Structure formats: C-alpha cells, structure tokens
Amino acid sequence: MNDKYERQMKKGVLDMLVLRLLKSEPKYGYQIIQEMKEKSEETFLLKDGTLYPVLYRLEDDKLVVSRWSEAEGKQVPRKYYEITRAGQKTLDEIEAVWKRISDGISKIMED
C-alpha cells in the first residue's frame, strides 16, 4: 500500500498529540519523540525534522512556551516545552472536533 495516505492522516493529528503529551508536564523534544513512540506502540515514529516545526508553530501560536534548563553536572541544557492556558483551551477544542470526526468516520466505516 502507498503510505501517502498514512502520512497525510498522521500529519493532521500531530498538533493535537503534541499538546496532549505536554498536558501533564513540560517535556523536551527527544522526550516527546520517545513518549509518542511508546504510547502509540510505534505508530508515530517522529524525527526531529518533523517534531520541531510542529513545536515552533505551536509556540508561534502561543499554545506552548519554551525555556532552557540549567546544565547540571554532565547533563547539557535542554529546551523544555510547556502547554499554555490558550494551548489547553485549544487542545480541548481540537479533542472535541477529533471525537466528532472519528465518530463520523466510524459510522461510515461500519457498512
């Protein structure tokens, strides 16, 4: 099967998934990539080149904010991303839209 369709479907939900992962606590990029991989059972295997444009767009839209951590010992500074109140509100709205769309898709696919 041509994976074009799978890529298109995944691309459409990345903002929602990233915001959802940031809902519990601030995370840095690699942490988001790993958590998305694990929680999706490897359905979402993101590369830096896919994740960071999403994070930058969310930051431009004021849905997330970023801050650098302090270097401790041998640990390098990391850029952490945190969901904002506007991001949480947007996530709630996106989740409602997602539920409506997925319910509609399920009804069509039942035939």
PDB file of N, CA and C in Angstrom:
ATOM      1  N   MET A   1       0.837  -1.191   0.000  1.00  0.00           N
ATOM      2  CA  MET A   1       0.000   0.000   0.000  1.00  0.00           C
ATOM      3  C   MET A   1       0.875   1.245   0.000  1.00  0.00           C
ATOM      4  N   ASN A   2       0.433   2.224  -0.667  1.00  0.00           N
ATOM      5  CA  ASN A   2       1.118   3.505  -0.698  1.00  0.00           C
ATOM      6  C   ASN A   2       0.954   4.178   0.664  1.00  0.00           C
ATOM      7  N   ASP A   3       2.079   4.526   1.314  1.00  0.00           N
ATOM      8  CA  ASP A   3       1.976   5.108   2.654  1.00  0.00           C
ATOM      9  C   ASP A   3       1.655   6.602   2.627  1.00  0.00           C
ATOM     10  N   LYS A   4       1.341   7.128   1.456  1.00  0.00           N
ATOM     11  CA  LYS A   4       0.951   8.535   1.336  1.00  0.00           C
ATOM     12  C   LYS A   4      -0.262   8.830   2.209  1.00  0.00           C
ATOM     13  N   TYR A   5      -1.226   7.941   2.223  1.00  0.00           N
ATOM     14  CA  TYR A   5      -2.453   8.150   2.992  1.00  0.00           C
ATOM     15  C   TYR A   5      -2.165   8.136   4.492  1.00  0.00           C
ATOM     16  N   GLU A   6      -1.333   7.208   4.901  1.00  0.00           N
ATOM     17  CA  GLU A   6      -0.974   7.139   6.319  1.00  0.00           C
ATOM     18  C   GLU A   6      -0.254   8.418   6.750  1.00  0.00           C
ATOM     19  N   ARG A   7       0.679   8.889   5.953  1.00  0.00           N
ATOM     20  CA  ARG A   7       1.410  10.129   6.279  1.00  0.00           C
ATOM     21  C   ARG A   7       0.459  11.311   6.391  1.00  0.00           C
ATOM     22  N   GLN A   8      -0.499  11.410   5.467  1.00  0.00           N
ATOM     23  CA  GLN A   8      -1.460  12.516   5.498  1.00  0.00           C
ATOM     24  C   GLN A   8      -2.314  12.474   6.761  1.00  0.00           C
ATOM     25  N   MET A   9      -2.774  11.272   7.131  1.00  0.00           N
ATOM     26  CA  MET A   9      -3.607  11.139   8.331  1.00  0.00           C
ATOM     27  C   MET A   9      -2.811  11.502   9.585  1.00  0.00           C
ATOM     28  N   LYS A  10      -1.594  11.024   9.677  1.00  0.00           N
ATOM     29  CA  LYS A  10      -0.757  11.312  10.842  1.00  0.00           C
ATOM     30  C   LYS A  10      -0.437  12.794  10.948  1.00  0.00           C
ATOM     31  N   LYS A  11      -0.135  13.411   9.831  1.00  0.00           N
ATOM     32  CA  LYS A  11       0.218  14.833   9.828  1.00  0.00           C
ATOM     33  C   LYS A  11      -0.919  15.675  10.400  1.00  0.00           C
ATOM     34  N   GLY A  12      -2.128  15.287  10.117  1.00  0.00           N
ATOM     35  CA  GLY A  12      -3.287  16.046  10.562  1.00  0.00           C
ATOM     36  C   GLY A  12      -3.540  16.016  12.059  1.00  0.00           C
ATOM     37  N   VAL A  13      -2.902  15.107  12.786  1.00  0.00           N
ATOM     38  CA  VAL A  13      -3.159  14.998  14.224  1.00  0.00           C
ATOM     39  C   VAL A  13      -1.952  15.338  15.093  1.00  0.00           C
ATOM     40  N   LEU A  14      -0.841  15.701  14.485  1.00  0.00           N
ATOM     41  CA  LEU A  14       0.374  15.929  15.267  1.00  0.00           C
ATOM     42  C   LEU A  14       0.232  17.056  16.282  1.00  0.00           C
ATOM     43  N   ASP A  15      -0.380  18.174  15.906  1.00  0.00           N
ATOM     44  CA  ASP A  15      -0.549  19.273  16.859  1.00  0.00           C
ATOM     45  C   ASP A  15      -1.309  18.789  18.088  1.00  0.00           C
ATOM     46  N   MET A  16      -2.403  18.075  17.868  1.00  0.00           N
ATOM     47  CA  MET A  16      -3.220  17.565  18.956  1.00  0.00           C
ATOM     48  C   MET A  16      -2.403  16.627  19.852  1.00  0.00           C
ATOM     49  N   LEU A  17      -1.650  15.717  19.259  1.00  0.00           N
ATOM     50  CA  LEU A  17      -0.897  14.740  20.035  1.00  0.00           C
ATOM     51  C   LEU A  17       0.225  15.393  20.837  1.00  0.00           C
ATOM     52  N   VAL A  18       0.909  16.348  20.236  1.00  0.00           N
ATOM     53  CA  VAL A  18       1.981  17.045  20.952  1.00  0.00           C
ATOM     54  C   VAL A  18       1.398  17.820  22.129  1.00  0.00           C
ATOM     55  N   LEU A  19       0.322  18.559  21.905  1.00  0.00           N
ATOM     56  CA  LEU A  19      -0.322  19.284  23.005  1.00  0.00           C
ATOM     57  C   LEU A  19      -0.762  18.316  24.099  1.00  0.00           C
ATOM     58  N   ARG A  20      -1.306  17.179  23.708  1.00  0.00           N
ATOM     59  CA  ARG A  20      -1.772  16.188  24.697  1.00  0.00           C
ATOM     60  C   ARG A  20      -0.615  15.665  25.534  1.00  0.00           C
ATOM     61  N   LEU A  21       0.530  15.417  24.907  1.00  0.00           N
ATOM     62  CA  LEU A  21       1.688  14.923  25.655  1.00  0.00           C
ATOM     63  C   LEU A  21       2.238  15.991  26.598  1.00  0.00           C
ATOM     64  N   LEU A  22       2.074  17.250  26.244  1.00  0.00           N
ATOM     65  CA  LEU A  22       2.566  18.336  27.095  1.00  0.00           C
ATOM     66  C   LEU A  22       1.579  18.687  28.206  1.00  0.00           C
ATOM     67  N   LYS A  23       0.392  18.125  28.154  1.00  0.00           N
ATOM     68  CA  LYS A  23      -0.642  18.447  29.138  1.00  0.00           C
ATOM     69  C   LYS A  23      -0.212  18.084  30.561  1.00  0.00           C
ATOM     70  N   SER A  24       0.484  16.986  30.732  1.00  0.00           N
ATOM     71  CA  SER A  24       0.842  16.510  32.071  1.00  0.00           C
ATOM     72  C   SER A  24       2.051  17.220  32.668  1.00  0.00           C
ATOM     73  N   GLU A  25       3.022  17.568  31.837  1.00  0.00           N
ATOM     74  CA  GLU A  25       4.236  18.210  32.325  1.00  0.00           C
ATOM     75  C   GLU A  25       5.052  18.741  31.148  1.00  0.00           C
ATOM     76  N   PRO A  26       5.941  19.707  31.407  1.00  0.00           N
ATOM     77  CA  PRO A  26       6.836  20.182  30.349  1.00  0.00           C
ATOM     78  C   PRO A  26       7.767  19.046  29.897  1.00  0.00           C
ATOM     79  N   LYS A  27       8.099  19.037  28.619  1.00  0.00           N
ATOM     80  CA  LYS A  27       8.968  17.998  28.063  1.00  0.00           C
ATOM     81  C   LYS A  27       9.919  18.623  27.048  1.00  0.00           C
ATOM     82  N   TYR A  28      11.049  17.974  26.839  1.00  0.00           N
ATOM     83  CA  TYR A  28      11.976  18.394  25.788  1.00  0.00           C
ATOM     84  C   TYR A  28      11.742  17.523  24.555  1.00  0.00           C
ATOM     85  N   GLY A  29      12.279  17.955  23.425  1.00  0.00           N
ATOM     86  CA  GLY A  29      11.970  17.324  22.143  1.00  0.00           C
ATOM     87  C   GLY A  29      12.153  15.822  22.088  1.00  0.00           C
ATOM     88  N   TYR A  30      13.329  15.339  22.476  1.00  0.00           N
ATOM     89  CA  TYR A  30      13.584  13.903  22.402  1.00  0.00           C
ATOM     90  C   TYR A  30      12.618  13.133  23.294  1.00  0.00           C
ATOM     91  N   GLN A  31      12.279  13.714  24.438  1.00  0.00           N
ATOM     92  CA  GLN A  31      11.322  13.089  25.354  1.00  0.00           C
ATOM     93  C   GLN A  31       9.951  12.956  24.683  1.00  0.00           C
ATOM     94  N   ILE A  32       9.536  13.975  23.954  1.00  0.00           N
ATOM     95  CA  ILE A  32       8.259  13.931  23.226  1.00  0.00           C
ATOM     96  C   ILE A  32       8.294  12.830  22.169  1.00  0.00           C
ATOM     97  N   ILE A  33       9.397  12.767  21.439  1.00  0.00           N
ATOM     98  CA  ILE A  33       9.551  11.745  20.391  1.00  0.00           C
ATOM     99  C   ILE A  33       9.451  10.345  20.995  1.00  0.00           C
ATOM    100  N   GLN A  34      10.155  10.113  22.098  1.00  0.00           N
ATOM    101  CA  GLN A  34      10.153   8.793  22.729  1.00  0.00           C
ATOM    102  C   GLN A  34       8.788   8.440  23.301  1.00  0.00           C
ATOM    103  N   GLU A  35       8.158   9.402  23.952  1.00  0.00           N
ATOM    104  CA  GLU A  35       6.848   9.142  24.550  1.00  0.00           C
ATOM    105  C   GLU A  35       5.796   8.871  23.474  1.00  0.00           C
ATOM    106  N   MET A  36       5.879   9.610  22.380  1.00  0.00           N
ATOM    107  CA  MET A  36       4.929   9.390  21.288  1.00  0.00           C
ATOM    108  C   MET A  36       5.131   7.994  20.696  1.00  0.00           C
ATOM    109  N   LYS A  37       6.371   7.594  20.538  1.00  0.00           N
ATOM    110  CA  LYS A  37       6.690   6.264  20.013  1.00  0.00           C
ATOM    111  C   LYS A  37       6.138   5.172  20.932  1.00  0.00           C
ATOM    112  N   GLU A  38       6.406   5.310  22.233  1.00  0.00           N
ATOM    113  CA  GLU A  38       5.986   4.285  23.188  1.00  0.00           C
ATOM    114  C   GLU A  38       4.476   4.229  23.342  1.00  0.00           C
ATOM    115  N   LYS A  39       3.840   5.377  23.559  1.00  0.00           N
ATOM    116  CA  LYS A  39       2.394   5.393  23.794  1.00  0.00           C
ATOM    117  C   LYS A  39       1.603   4.965  22.564  1.00  0.00           C
ATOM    118  N   SER A  40       2.137   5.228  21.373  1.00  0.00           N
ATOM    119  CA  SER A  40       1.426   4.850  20.153  1.00  0.00           C
ATOM    120  C   SER A  40       1.795   3.448  19.684  1.00  0.00           C
ATOM    121  N   GLU A  41       2.620   2.764  20.485  1.00  0.00           N
ATOM    122  CA  GLU A  41       3.109   1.431  20.115  1.00  0.00           C
ATOM    123  C   GLU A  41       3.754   1.467  18.732  1.00  0.00           C
ATOM    124  N   GLU A  42       4.576   2.495  18.533  1.00  0.00           N
ATOM    125  CA  GLU A  42       5.390   2.712  17.330  1.00  0.00           C
ATOM    126  C   GLU A  42       4.579   3.087  16.091  1.00  0.00           C
ATOM    127  N   THR A  43       3.358   3.531  16.287  1.00  0.00           N
ATOM    128  CA  THR A  43       2.590   4.057  15.157  1.00  0.00           C
ATOM    129  C   THR A  43       3.157   5.410  14.741  1.00  0.00           C
ATOM    130  N   PHE A  44       3.597   6.196  15.731  1.00  0.00           N
ATOM    131  CA  PHE A  44       4.169   7.509  15.467  1.00  0.00           C
ATOM    132  C   PHE A  44       5.655   7.473  15.780  1.00  0.00           C
ATOM    133  N   LEU A  45       6.470   7.390  14.730  1.00  0.00           N
ATOM    134  CA  LEU A  45       7.923   7.397  14.847  1.00  0.00           C
ATOM    135  C   LEU A  45       8.414   8.711  14.258  1.00  0.00           C
ATOM    136  N   LEU A  46       8.445   9.743  15.080  1.00  0.00           N
ATOM    137  CA  LEU A  46       8.791  11.075  14.597  1.00  0.00           C
ATOM    138  C   LEU A  46      10.294  11.269  14.540  1.00  0.00           C
ATOM    139  N   LYS A  47      10.696  12.090  13.608  1.00  0.00           N
ATOM    140  CA  LYS A  47      12.079  12.537  13.516  1.00  0.00           C
ATOM    141  C   LYS A  47      12.115  13.992  13.966  1.00  0.00           C
ATOM    142  N   ASP A  48      13.313  14.449  14.326  1.00  0.00           N
ATOM    143  CA  ASP A  48      13.474  15.849  14.737  1.00  0.00           C
ATOM    144  C   ASP A  48      12.886  16.795  13.698  1.00  0.00           C
ATOM    145  N   GLY A  49      13.136  16.490  12.443  1.00  0.00           N
ATOM    146  CA  GLY A  49      12.693  17.350  11.348  1.00  0.00           C
ATOM    147  C   GLY A  49      11.186  17.412  11.201  1.00  0.00           C
ATOM    148  N   THR A  50      10.486  16.496  11.837  1.00  0.00           N
ATOM    149  CA  THR A  50       9.023  16.522  11.848  1.00  0.00           C
ATOM    150  C   THR A  50       8.512  17.219  13.105  1.00  0.00           C
ATOM    151  N   LEU A  51       9.103  16.892  14.246  1.00  0.00           N
ATOM    152  CA  LEU A  51       8.613  17.425  15.524  1.00  0.00           C
ATOM    153  C   LEU A  51       8.884  18.921  15.687  1.00  0.00           C
ATOM    154  N   TYR A  52      10.099  19.362  15.414  1.00  0.00           N
ATOM    155  CA  TYR A  52      10.431  20.753  15.739  1.00  0.00           C
ATOM    156  C   TYR A  52       9.626  21.789  14.971  1.00  0.00           C
ATOM    157  N   PRO A  53       9.314  21.589  13.703  1.00  0.00           N
ATOM    158  CA  PRO A  53       8.408  22.551  13.055  1.00  0.00           C
ATOM    159  C   PRO A  53       7.032  22.618  13.734  1.00  0.00           C
ATOM    160  N   VAL A  54       6.552  21.490  14.241  1.00  0.00           N
ATOM    161  CA  VAL A  54       5.276  21.472  14.973  1.00  0.00           C
ATOM    162  C   VAL A  54       5.419  22.298  16.246  1.00  0.00           C
ATOM    163  N   LEU A  55       6.487  22.068  17.000  1.00  0.00           N
ATOM    164  CA  LEU A  55       6.713  22.818  18.236  1.00  0.00           C
ATOM    165  C   LEU A  55       6.864  24.314  17.973  1.00  0.00           C
ATOM    166  N   TYR A  56       7.606  24.671  16.934  1.00  0.00           N
ATOM    167  CA  TYR A  56       7.796  26.093  16.606  1.00  0.00           C
ATOM    168  C   TYR A  56       6.472  26.743  16.215  1.00  0.00           C
ATOM    169  N   ARG A  57       5.656  26.015  15.460  1.00  0.00           N
ATOM    170  CA  ARG A  57       4.349  26.546  15.060  1.00  0.00           C
ATOM    171  C   ARG A  57       3.450  26.735  16.285  1.00  0.00           C
ATOM    172  N   LEU A  58       3.442  25.756  17.180  1.00  0.00           N
ATOM    173  CA  LEU A  58       2.645  25.864  18.401  1.00  0.00           C
ATOM    174  C   LEU A  58       3.134  27.026  19.268  1.00  0.00           C
ATOM    175  N   GLU A  59       4.430  27.236  19.273  1.00  0.00           N
ATOM    176  CA  GLU A  59       4.998  28.349  20.041  1.00  0.00           C
ATOM    177  C   GLU A  59       4.618  29.691  19.394  1.00  0.00           C
ATOM    178  N   ASP A  60       4.699  29.770  18.082  1.00  0.00           N
ATOM    179  CA  ASP A  60       4.289  30.991  17.371  1.00  0.00           C
ATOM    180  C   ASP A  60       2.825  31.317  17.636  1.00  0.00           C
ATOM    181  N   ASP A  61       2.005  30.277  17.767  1.00  0.00           N
ATOM    182  CA  ASP A  61       0.572  30.452  18.020  1.00  0.00           C
ATOM    183  C   ASP A  61       0.258  30.653  19.503  1.00  0.00           C
ATOM    184  N   LYS A  62       1.298  30.722  20.345  1.00  0.00           N
ATOM    185  CA  LYS A  62       1.156  30.943  21.801  1.00  0.00           C
ATOM    186  C   LYS A  62       0.447  29.785  22.509  1.00  0.00           C
ATOM    187  N   LEU A  63       0.529  28.591  21.917  1.00  0.00           N
ATOM    188  CA  LEU A  63      -0.090  27.416  22.523  1.00  0.00           C
ATOM    189  C   LEU A  63       0.892  26.680  23.427  1.00  0.00           C
ATOM    190  N   VAL A  64       2.175  26.903  23.198  1.00  0.00           N
ATOM    191  CA  VAL A  64       3.230  26.395  24.077  1.00  0.00           C
ATOM    192  C   VAL A  64       4.263  27.496  24.288  1.00  0.00           C
ATOM    193  N   VAL A  65       4.987  27.379  25.381  1.00  0.00           N
ATOM    194  CA  VAL A  65       6.130  28.253  25.648  1.00  0.00           C
ATOM    195  C   VAL A  65       7.329  27.345  25.882  1.00  0.00           C
ATOM    196  N   SER A  66       8.513  27.880  25.650  1.00  0.00           N
ATOM    197  CA  SER A  66       9.718  27.084  25.851  1.00  0.00           C
ATOM    198  C   SER A  66      10.650  27.801  26.818  1.00  0.00           C
ATOM    199  N   ARG A  67      11.487  27.002  27.461  1.00  0.00           N
ATOM    200  CA  ARG A  67      12.521  27.541  28.349  1.00  0.00           C
ATOM    201  C   ARG A  67      13.674  26.561  28.366  1.00  0.00           C
ATOM    202  N   TRP A  68      14.862  27.095  28.559  1.00  0.00           N
ATOM    203  CA  TRP A  68      16.052  26.262  28.636  1.00  0.00           C
ATOM    204  C   TRP A  68      16.301  25.855  30.079  1.00  0.00           C
ATOM    205  N   SER A  69      16.678  24.608  30.276  1.00  0.00           N
ATOM    206  CA  SER A  69      17.052  24.137  31.608  1.00  0.00           C
ATOM    207  C   SER A  69      18.505  24.522  31.868  1.00  0.00           C
ATOM    208  N   GLU A  70      18.877  24.519  33.121  1.00  0.00           N
ATOM    209  CA  GLU A  70      20.266  24.765  33.503  1.00  0.00           C
ATOM    210  C   GLU A  70      21.062  23.481  33.298  1.00  0.00           C
ATOM    211  N   ALA A  71      22.323  23.626  32.911  1.00  0.00           N
ATOM    212  CA  ALA A  71      23.202  22.462  32.800  1.00  0.00           C
ATOM    213  C   ALA A  71      23.572  21.999  34.205  1.00  0.00           C
ATOM    214  N   GLU A  72      23.380  20.725  34.469  1.00  0.00           N
ATOM    215  CA  GLU A  72      23.718  20.162  35.774  1.00  0.00           C
ATOM    216  C   GLU A  72      24.687  19.014  35.577  1.00  0.00           C
ATOM    217  N   GLY A  73      25.864  19.153  36.162  1.00  0.00           N
ATOM    218  CA  GLY A  73      26.869  18.106  36.008  1.00  0.00           C
ATOM    219  C   GLY A  73      27.219  17.915  34.550  1.00  0.00           C
ATOM    220  N   LYS A  74      27.094  16.687  34.095  1.00  0.00           N
ATOM    221  CA  LYS A  74      27.397  16.367  32.691  1.00  0.00           C
ATOM    222  C   LYS A  74      26.190  16.537  31.778  1.00  0.00           C
ATOM    223  N   GLN A  75      25.056  16.821  32.371  1.00  0.00           N
ATOM    224  CA  GLN A  75      23.837  16.988  31.575  1.00  0.00           C
ATOM    225  C   GLN A  75      23.867  18.325  30.845  1.00  0.00           C
ATOM    226  N   VAL A  76      23.555  18.294  29.574  1.00  0.00           N
ATOM    227  CA  VAL A  76      23.532  19.520  28.772  1.00  0.00           C
ATOM    228  C   VAL A  76      22.210  20.247  28.979  1.00  0.00           C
ATOM    229  N   PRO A  77      22.182  21.561  28.751  1.00  0.00           N
ATOM    230  CA  PRO A  77      20.900  22.276  28.843  1.00  0.00           C
ATOM    231  C   PRO A  77      19.921  21.722  27.810  1.00  0.00           C
ATOM    232  N   ARG A  78      18.662  21.675  28.191  1.00  0.00           N
ATOM    233  CA  ARG A  78      17.625  21.191  27.280  1.00  0.00           C
ATOM    234  C   ARG A  78      16.532  22.240  27.175  1.00  0.00           C
ATOM    235  N   LYS A  79      15.919  22.288  26.003  1.00  0.00           N
ATOM    236  CA  LYS A  79      14.813  23.213  25.797  1.00  0.00           C
ATOM    237  C   LYS A  79      13.515  22.471  26.093  1.00  0.00           C
ATOM    238  N   TYR A  80      12.821  22.919  27.118  1.00  0.00           N
ATOM    239  CA  TYR A  80      11.557  22.307  27.525  1.00  0.00           C
ATOM    240  C   TYR A  80      10.392  23.107  26.956  1.00  0.00           C
ATOM    241  N   TYR A  81       9.350  22.379  26.572  1.00  0.00           N
ATOM    242  CA  TYR A  81       8.134  22.983  26.041  1.00  0.00           C
ATOM    243  C   TYR A  81       7.007  22.717  27.026  1.00  0.00           C
ATOM    244  N   GLU A  82       6.188  23.742  27.240  1.00  0.00           N
ATOM    245  CA  GLU A  82       5.092  23.653  28.194  1.00  0.00           C
ATOM    246  C   GLU A  82       3.822  24.213  27.561  1.00  0.00           C
ATOM    247  N   ILE A  83       2.715  23.529  27.782  1.00  0.00           N
ATOM    248  CA  ILE A  83       1.437  23.987  27.235  1.00  0.00           C
ATOM    249  C   ILE A  83       0.976  25.237  28.005  1.00  0.00           C
ATOM    250  N   THR A  84       0.391  26.185  27.307  1.00  0.00           N
ATOM    251  CA  THR A  84      -0.143  27.398  27.920  1.00  0.00           C
ATOM    252  C   THR A  84      -1.639  27.218  28.178  1.00  0.00           C
ATOM    253  N   ARG A  85      -2.248  28.191  28.838  1.00  0.00           N
ATOM    254  CA  ARG A  85      -3.713  28.137  29.021  1.00  0.00           C
ATOM    255  C   ARG A  85      -4.412  28.144  27.672  1.00  0.00           C
ATOM    256  N   ALA A  86      -3.918  28.988  26.770  1.00  0.00           N
ATOM    257  CA  ALA A  86      -4.502  29.022  25.411  1.00  0.00           C
ATOM    258  C   ALA A  86      -4.317  27.672  24.727  1.00  0.00           C
ATOM    259  N   GLY A  87      -3.169  27.035  24.966  1.00  0.00           N
ATOM    260  CA  GLY A  87      -2.918  25.712  24.397  1.00  0.00           C
ATOM    261  C   GLY A  87      -3.856  24.666  24.956  1.00  0.00           C
ATOM    262  N   GLN A  88      -4.130  24.746  26.253  1.00  0.00           N
ATOM    263  CA  GLN A  88      -5.053  23.806  26.884  1.00  0.00           C
ATOM    264  C   GLN A  88      -6.467  23.989  26.340  1.00  0.00           C
ATOM    265  N   LYS A  89      -6.870  25.247  26.180  1.00  0.00           N
ATOM    266  CA  LYS A  89      -8.200  25.527  25.626  1.00  0.00           C
ATOM    267  C   LYS A  89      -8.291  25.011  24.183  1.00  0.00           C
ATOM    268  N   THR A  90      -7.247  25.264  23.421  1.00  0.00           N
ATOM    269  CA  THR A  90      -7.213  24.795  22.031  1.00  0.00           C
ATOM    270  C   THR A  90      -7.229  23.272  21.986  1.00  0.00           C
ATOM    271  N   LEU A  91      -6.482  22.632  22.868  1.00  0.00           N
ATOM    272  CA  LEU A  91      -6.477  21.166  22.929  1.00  0.00           C
ATOM    273  C   LEU A  91      -7.876  20.638  23.206  1.00  0.00           C
ATOM    274  N   ASP A  92      -8.577  21.242  24.144  1.00  0.00           N
ATOM    275  CA  ASP A  92      -9.953  20.818  24.438  1.00  0.00           C
ATOM    276  C   ASP A  92     -10.834  20.931  23.198  1.00  0.00           C
ATOM    277  N   GLU A  93     -10.677  22.032  22.462  1.00  0.00           N
ATOM    278  CA  GLU A  93     -11.464  22.240  21.232  1.00  0.00           C
ATOM    279  C   GLU A  93     -11.092  21.220  20.156  1.00  0.00           C
ATOM    280  N   ILE A  94      -9.792  20.975  19.990  1.00  0.00           N
ATOM    281  CA  ILE A  94      -9.335  20.005  18.984  1.00  0.00           C
ATOM    282  C   ILE A  94      -9.835  18.609  19.330  1.00  0.00           C
ATOM    283  N   GLU A  95      -9.778  18.251  20.607  1.00  0.00           N
ATOM    284  CA  GLU A  95     -10.245  16.923  21.024  1.00  0.00           C
ATOM    285  C   GLU A  95     -11.736  16.746  20.740  1.00  0.00           C
ATOM    286  N   ALA A  96     -12.519  17.802  20.933  1.00  0.00           N
ATOM    287  CA  ALA A  96     -13.958  17.729  20.633  1.00  0.00           C
ATOM    288  C   ALA A  96     -14.175  17.530  19.132  1.00  0.00           C
ATOM    289  N   VAL A  97     -13.409  18.255  18.322  1.00  0.00           N
ATOM    290  CA  VAL A  97     -13.502  18.093  16.862  1.00  0.00           C
ATOM    291  C   VAL A  97     -13.070  16.685  16.477  1.00  0.00           C
ATOM    292  N   TRP A  98     -11.969  16.205  17.064  1.00  0.00           N
ATOM    293  CA  TRP A  98     -11.466  14.861  16.767  1.00  0.00           C
ATOM    294  C   TRP A  98     -12.520  13.807  17.090  1.00  0.00           C
ATOM    295  N   LYS A  99     -13.188  13.943  18.228  1.00  0.00           N
ATOM    296  CA  LYS A  99     -14.218  12.975  18.608  1.00  0.00           C
ATOM    297  C   LYS A  99     -15.354  12.974  17.591  1.00  0.00           C
ATOM    298  N   ARG A 100     -15.786  14.170  17.189  1.00  0.00           N
ATOM    299  CA  ARG A 100     -16.873  14.271  16.206  1.00  0.00           C
ATOM    300  C   ARG A 100     -16.454  13.640  14.874  1.00  0.00           C
ATOM    301  N   ILE A 101     -15.244  13.934  14.427  1.00  0.00           N
ATOM    302  CA  ILE A 101     -14.760  13.387  13.152  1.00  0.00           C
ATOM    303  C   ILE A 101     -14.600  11.873  13.243  1.00  0.00           C
ATOM    304  N   SER A 102     -13.961  11.392  14.317  1.00  0.00           N
ATOM    305  CA  SER A 102     -13.741   9.948  14.420  1.00  0.00           C
ATOM    306  C   SER A 102     -15.052   9.183  14.573  1.00  0.00           C
ATOM    307  N   ASP A 103     -16.024   9.781  15.270  1.00  0.00           N
ATOM    308  CA  ASP A 103     -17.345   9.150  15.362  1.00  0.00           C
ATOM    309  C   ASP A 103     -18.002   9.073  13.981  1.00  0.00           C
ATOM    310  N   GLY A 104     -17.892  10.146  13.216  1.00  0.00           N
ATOM    311  CA  GLY A 104     -18.459  10.161  11.866  1.00  0.00           C
ATOM    312  C   GLY A 104     -17.783   9.146  10.955  1.00  0.00           C
ATOM    313  N   ILE A 105     -16.464   9.048  11.060  1.00  0.00           N
ATOM    314  CA  ILE A 105     -15.719   8.061  10.261  1.00  0.00           C
ATOM    315  C   ILE A 105     -16.158   6.651  10.638  1.00  0.00           C
ATOM    316  N   SER A 106     -16.270   6.397  11.939  1.00  0.00           N
ATOM    317  CA  SER A 106     -16.689   5.062  12.404  1.00  0.00           C
ATOM    318  C   SER A 106     -18.048   4.676  11.838  1.00  0.00           C
ATOM    319  N   LYS A 107     -18.970   5.642  11.804  1.00  0.00           N
ATOM    320  CA  LYS A 107     -20.306   5.356  11.271  1.00  0.00           C
ATOM    321  C   LYS A 107     -20.254   4.999   9.789  1.00  0.00           C
ATOM    322  N   ILE A 108     -19.427   5.690   9.042  1.00  0.00           N
ATOM    323  CA  ILE A 108     -19.285   5.388   7.612  1.00  0.00           C
ATOM    324  C   ILE A 108     -18.615   4.040   7.411  1.00  0.00           C
ATOM    325  N   MET A 109     -17.595   3.749   8.204  1.00  0.00           N
ATOM    326  CA  MET A 109     -16.816   2.521   8.029  1.00  0.00           C
ATOM    327  C   MET A 109     -17.550   1.270   8.496  1.00  0.00           C
ATOM    328  N   GLU A 110     -18.633   1.417   9.253  1.00  0.00           N
ATOM    329  CA  GLU A 110     -19.380   0.264   9.744  1.00  0.00           C
ATOM    330  C   GLU A 110     -20.064  -0.513   8.629  1.00  0.00           C
ATOM    331  N   ASP A 111     -20.307   0.116   7.503  1.00  0.00           N
ATOM    332  CA  ASP A 111     -21.002  -0.583   6.394  1.00  0.00           C
ATOM    333  C   ASP A 111     -20.196  -1.729   5.853  1.00  0.00           C
TER     334      ASP A 111
END
